[in-house]
Protein backbone atom coordinates (compact mmCIF):
# COMPACT_ATOMS: atom_id res chain seq x y z
CA UNK A 1 0.00 0.00 0.00
CA UNK A 2 1.26 3.48 -0.92
CA UNK A 3 0.29 6.67 0.90
CA UNK A 4 0.69 10.09 -0.67
CA UNK A 5 0.65 13.51 0.95
CA UNK A 6 0.51 16.10 -1.83
CA UNK A 7 0.87 19.74 -0.80
CA UNK A 8 -0.37 22.19 -3.40
CA UNK A 9 0.33 25.88 -2.86
CA UNK A 10 -2.18 27.93 -4.85
CA UNK A 11 -1.97 31.59 -5.70
CA UNK A 12 -3.55 33.95 -3.19
CA UNK A 13 -7.31 34.12 -3.63
CA UNK A 14 -7.43 30.98 -5.82
CA UNK A 15 -8.13 28.29 -3.21
CA UNK A 16 -11.91 28.14 -3.71
CA UNK A 17 -11.67 27.97 -7.52
CA UNK A 18 -8.91 25.36 -7.27
CA UNK A 19 -10.97 23.21 -4.89
CA UNK A 20 -14.00 23.38 -7.19
CA UNK A 21 -11.94 21.99 -10.09
CA UNK A 22 -10.24 19.44 -7.85
CA UNK A 23 -13.51 18.13 -6.40
CA UNK A 24 -15.02 17.79 -9.87
CA UNK A 25 -12.04 15.64 -10.93
CA UNK A 26 -12.06 13.69 -7.65
CA UNK A 27 -15.04 11.59 -8.75
CA UNK A 28 -13.05 10.18 -11.68
CA UNK A 29 -9.99 9.55 -9.51
CA UNK A 30 -11.99 7.55 -6.98
CA UNK A 31 -13.14 5.28 -9.83
CA UNK A 32 -9.55 4.46 -10.80
CA UNK A 33 -8.29 0.94 -10.23
CA UNK A 34 -6.22 0.88 -7.04
CA UNK A 35 -7.52 4.13 -5.51
CA UNK A 36 -8.41 3.54 -1.88
CA UNK A 37 -8.46 7.09 -0.46
CA UNK A 38 -8.35 10.46 -2.18
CA UNK A 39 -9.51 13.75 -0.66
CA UNK A 40 -8.42 17.39 -0.19
CA UNK A 41 -7.78 19.02 3.19
CA UNK A 42 -6.97 22.54 4.41
CA UNK A 43 -5.41 23.74 7.64
CA UNK A 44 -7.64 24.20 10.66
CA UNK A 45 -6.55 26.45 13.52
CA UNK A 46 -6.02 24.41 16.68
CA UNK A 47 -3.54 26.38 18.74
CA UNK A 48 -1.46 23.22 19.11
CA UNK A 49 2.29 23.67 18.80
CA UNK A 50 4.21 23.32 16.51
CA UNK A 51 1.42 23.70 13.96
CA UNK A 52 2.18 25.96 11.00
CA UNK A 53 -0.77 27.48 9.20
CA UNK A 54 -0.71 27.86 5.41
CA UNK A 55 -4.01 29.26 4.12
CA UNK A 56 -2.98 28.93 0.46
CA UNK A 57 -2.02 25.25 0.72
CA UNK A 58 -4.37 22.38 -0.11
CA UNK A 59 -3.10 19.04 1.14
CA UNK A 60 -4.30 15.95 -0.69
CA UNK A 61 -4.43 12.69 1.26
CA UNK A 62 -4.20 9.60 -0.95
CA UNK A 63 -3.88 5.85 -0.53
CA UNK A 64 -3.15 3.53 -3.45
CA UNK A 65 -3.02 -0.26 -3.59
CA UNK A 66 0.39 -0.13 -5.28
CA UNK A 67 3.02 2.12 -6.79
CA UNK A 68 1.83 0.94 -10.22
CA UNK A 69 -1.68 2.22 -9.45
CA UNK A 70 -0.24 5.59 -8.41
CA UNK A 71 1.82 5.80 -11.60
CA UNK A 72 -1.26 5.00 -13.70
CA UNK A 73 -3.18 7.71 -11.83
CA UNK A 74 -0.58 10.34 -12.67
CA UNK A 75 -0.87 9.56 -16.39
CA UNK A 76 -4.67 9.20 -16.53
CA UNK A 77 -6.34 11.44 -19.15
CA UNK A 78 -8.56 13.15 -16.55
CA UNK A 79 -5.45 13.98 -14.46
CA UNK A 80 -3.70 15.52 -17.45
CA UNK A 81 -6.83 17.61 -18.17
CA UNK A 82 -7.08 18.62 -14.48
CA UNK A 83 -3.41 19.73 -14.42
CA UNK A 84 -4.01 21.87 -17.49
CA UNK A 85 -7.07 23.53 -15.88
CA UNK A 86 -5.25 24.44 -12.64
CA UNK A 87 -1.77 25.23 -14.00
CA UNK A 88 -2.25 29.02 -13.72
CA UNK A 89 -3.57 28.71 -10.14
CA UNK A 90 -0.76 26.57 -8.73
CA UNK A 91 2.51 27.98 -7.43
CA UNK A 92 4.13 24.80 -6.12
CA UNK A 93 3.47 21.08 -5.64
CA UNK A 94 5.38 18.83 -3.26
CA UNK A 95 4.84 15.11 -2.73
CA UNK A 96 5.56 12.74 0.13
CA UNK A 97 5.18 9.18 -1.12
CA UNK A 98 5.15 6.82 1.83
CA UNK A 99 5.03 3.12 2.56
CA UNK A 100 4.00 1.47 5.81
CA UNK A 101 6.76 -0.36 7.65
C-alpha atoms as a PDB file:
ATOM      1  CA  UNK A   1       0.000   0.000   0.000  1.00  0.00           C
ATOM      2  CA  UNK A   2       1.261   3.479  -0.919  1.00  0.00           C
ATOM      3  CA  UNK A   3       0.292   6.673   0.902  1.00  0.00           C
ATOM      4  CA  UNK A   4       0.685  10.089  -0.672  1.00  0.00           C
ATOM      5  CA  UNK A   5       0.651  13.514   0.948  1.00  0.00           C
ATOM      6  CA  UNK A   6       0.507  16.097  -1.833  1.00  0.00           C
ATOM      7  CA  UNK A   7       0.869  19.739  -0.804  1.00  0.00           C
ATOM      8  CA  UNK A   8      -0.374  22.190  -3.403  1.00  0.00           C
ATOM      9  CA  UNK A   9       0.331  25.883  -2.865  1.00  0.00           C
ATOM     10  CA  UNK A  10      -2.182  27.929  -4.848  1.00  0.00           C
ATOM     11  CA  UNK A  11      -1.967  31.592  -5.698  1.00  0.00           C
ATOM     12  CA  UNK A  12      -3.551  33.948  -3.191  1.00  0.00           C
ATOM     13  CA  UNK A  13      -7.315  34.116  -3.632  1.00  0.00           C
ATOM     14  CA  UNK A  14      -7.434  30.977  -5.823  1.00  0.00           C
ATOM     15  CA  UNK A  15      -8.130  28.289  -3.215  1.00  0.00           C
ATOM     16  CA  UNK A  16     -11.913  28.139  -3.714  1.00  0.00           C
ATOM     17  CA  UNK A  17     -11.667  27.965  -7.524  1.00  0.00           C
ATOM     18  CA  UNK A  18      -8.910  25.355  -7.275  1.00  0.00           C
ATOM     19  CA  UNK A  19     -10.971  23.205  -4.891  1.00  0.00           C
ATOM     20  CA  UNK A  20     -14.004  23.381  -7.194  1.00  0.00           C
ATOM     21  CA  UNK A  21     -11.943  21.988 -10.090  1.00  0.00           C
ATOM     22  CA  UNK A  22     -10.238  19.442  -7.847  1.00  0.00           C
ATOM     23  CA  UNK A  23     -13.506  18.129  -6.402  1.00  0.00           C
ATOM     24  CA  UNK A  24     -15.018  17.787  -9.871  1.00  0.00           C
ATOM     25  CA  UNK A  25     -12.037  15.636 -10.927  1.00  0.00           C
ATOM     26  CA  UNK A  26     -12.055  13.691  -7.649  1.00  0.00           C
ATOM     27  CA  UNK A  27     -15.038  11.590  -8.751  1.00  0.00           C
ATOM     28  CA  UNK A  28     -13.051  10.184 -11.678  1.00  0.00           C
ATOM     29  CA  UNK A  29      -9.989   9.553  -9.514  1.00  0.00           C
ATOM     30  CA  UNK A  30     -11.985   7.549  -6.977  1.00  0.00           C
ATOM     31  CA  UNK A  31     -13.141   5.277  -9.826  1.00  0.00           C
ATOM     32  CA  UNK A  32      -9.546   4.462 -10.798  1.00  0.00           C
ATOM     33  CA  UNK A  33      -8.292   0.937 -10.228  1.00  0.00           C
ATOM     34  CA  UNK A  34      -6.217   0.878  -7.044  1.00  0.00           C
ATOM     35  CA  UNK A  35      -7.518   4.126  -5.510  1.00  0.00           C
ATOM     36  CA  UNK A  36      -8.410   3.544  -1.878  1.00  0.00           C
ATOM     37  CA  UNK A  37      -8.463   7.092  -0.459  1.00  0.00           C
ATOM     38  CA  UNK A  38      -8.353  10.464  -2.183  1.00  0.00           C
ATOM     39  CA  UNK A  39      -9.515  13.754  -0.664  1.00  0.00           C
ATOM     40  CA  UNK A  40      -8.419  17.395  -0.194  1.00  0.00           C
ATOM     41  CA  UNK A  41      -7.776  19.021   3.189  1.00  0.00           C
ATOM     42  CA  UNK A  42      -6.974  22.538   4.415  1.00  0.00           C
ATOM     43  CA  UNK A  43      -5.410  23.743   7.644  1.00  0.00           C
ATOM     44  CA  UNK A  44      -7.638  24.200  10.662  1.00  0.00           C
ATOM     45  CA  UNK A  45      -6.554  26.455  13.521  1.00  0.00           C
ATOM     46  CA  UNK A  46      -6.024  24.409  16.681  1.00  0.00           C
ATOM     47  CA  UNK A  47      -3.540  26.381  18.737  1.00  0.00           C
ATOM     48  CA  UNK A  48      -1.457  23.222  19.109  1.00  0.00           C
ATOM     49  CA  UNK A  49       2.294  23.669  18.805  1.00  0.00           C
ATOM     50  CA  UNK A  50       4.213  23.321  16.510  1.00  0.00           C
ATOM     51  CA  UNK A  51       1.418  23.698  13.960  1.00  0.00           C
ATOM     52  CA  UNK A  52       2.180  25.956  11.004  1.00  0.00           C
ATOM     53  CA  UNK A  53      -0.775  27.476   9.195  1.00  0.00           C
ATOM     54  CA  UNK A  54      -0.708  27.865   5.410  1.00  0.00           C
ATOM     55  CA  UNK A  55      -4.007  29.262   4.117  1.00  0.00           C
ATOM     56  CA  UNK A  56      -2.981  28.931   0.463  1.00  0.00           C
ATOM     57  CA  UNK A  57      -2.021  25.246   0.720  1.00  0.00           C
ATOM     58  CA  UNK A  58      -4.368  22.385  -0.108  1.00  0.00           C
ATOM     59  CA  UNK A  59      -3.100  19.039   1.139  1.00  0.00           C
ATOM     60  CA  UNK A  60      -4.296  15.949  -0.691  1.00  0.00           C
ATOM     61  CA  UNK A  61      -4.427  12.686   1.262  1.00  0.00           C
ATOM     62  CA  UNK A  62      -4.197   9.604  -0.952  1.00  0.00           C
ATOM     63  CA  UNK A  63      -3.880   5.851  -0.525  1.00  0.00           C
ATOM     64  CA  UNK A  64      -3.155   3.534  -3.449  1.00  0.00           C
ATOM     65  CA  UNK A  65      -3.023  -0.262  -3.595  1.00  0.00           C
ATOM     66  CA  UNK A  66       0.391  -0.135  -5.278  1.00  0.00           C
ATOM     67  CA  UNK A  67       3.016   2.116  -6.793  1.00  0.00           C
ATOM     68  CA  UNK A  68       1.829   0.939 -10.222  1.00  0.00           C
ATOM     69  CA  UNK A  69      -1.683   2.221  -9.448  1.00  0.00           C
ATOM     70  CA  UNK A  70      -0.239   5.589  -8.410  1.00  0.00           C
ATOM     71  CA  UNK A  71       1.817   5.801 -11.601  1.00  0.00           C
ATOM     72  CA  UNK A  72      -1.264   4.996 -13.700  1.00  0.00           C
ATOM     73  CA  UNK A  73      -3.179   7.706 -11.829  1.00  0.00           C
ATOM     74  CA  UNK A  74      -0.581  10.342 -12.667  1.00  0.00           C
ATOM     75  CA  UNK A  75      -0.867   9.559 -16.388  1.00  0.00           C
ATOM     76  CA  UNK A  76      -4.669   9.203 -16.526  1.00  0.00           C
ATOM     77  CA  UNK A  77      -6.343  11.439 -19.146  1.00  0.00           C
ATOM     78  CA  UNK A  78      -8.559  13.147 -16.554  1.00  0.00           C
ATOM     79  CA  UNK A  79      -5.453  13.982 -14.459  1.00  0.00           C
ATOM     80  CA  UNK A  80      -3.696  15.520 -17.455  1.00  0.00           C
ATOM     81  CA  UNK A  81      -6.826  17.606 -18.167  1.00  0.00           C
ATOM     82  CA  UNK A  82      -7.076  18.622 -14.479  1.00  0.00           C
ATOM     83  CA  UNK A  83      -3.409  19.729 -14.420  1.00  0.00           C
ATOM     84  CA  UNK A  84      -4.012  21.869 -17.489  1.00  0.00           C
ATOM     85  CA  UNK A  85      -7.069  23.533 -15.884  1.00  0.00           C
ATOM     86  CA  UNK A  86      -5.252  24.442 -12.638  1.00  0.00           C
ATOM     87  CA  UNK A  87      -1.775  25.234 -13.997  1.00  0.00           C
ATOM     88  CA  UNK A  88      -2.245  29.016 -13.716  1.00  0.00           C
ATOM     89  CA  UNK A  89      -3.573  28.708 -10.138  1.00  0.00           C
ATOM     90  CA  UNK A  90      -0.762  26.568  -8.725  1.00  0.00           C
ATOM     91  CA  UNK A  91       2.511  27.979  -7.425  1.00  0.00           C
ATOM     92  CA  UNK A  92       4.132  24.797  -6.115  1.00  0.00           C
ATOM     93  CA  UNK A  93       3.467  21.083  -5.645  1.00  0.00           C
ATOM     94  CA  UNK A  94       5.383  18.831  -3.264  1.00  0.00           C
ATOM     95  CA  UNK A  95       4.840  15.107  -2.726  1.00  0.00           C
ATOM     96  CA  UNK A  96       5.557  12.739   0.129  1.00  0.00           C
ATOM     97  CA  UNK A  97       5.181   9.185  -1.115  1.00  0.00           C
ATOM     98  CA  UNK A  98       5.154   6.820   1.832  1.00  0.00           C
ATOM     99  CA  UNK A  99       5.025   3.120   2.558  1.00  0.00           C
ATOM    100  CA  UNK A 100       3.998   1.471   5.813  1.00  0.00           C
ATOM    101  CA  UNK A 101       6.756  -0.356   7.647  1.00  0.00           C
END
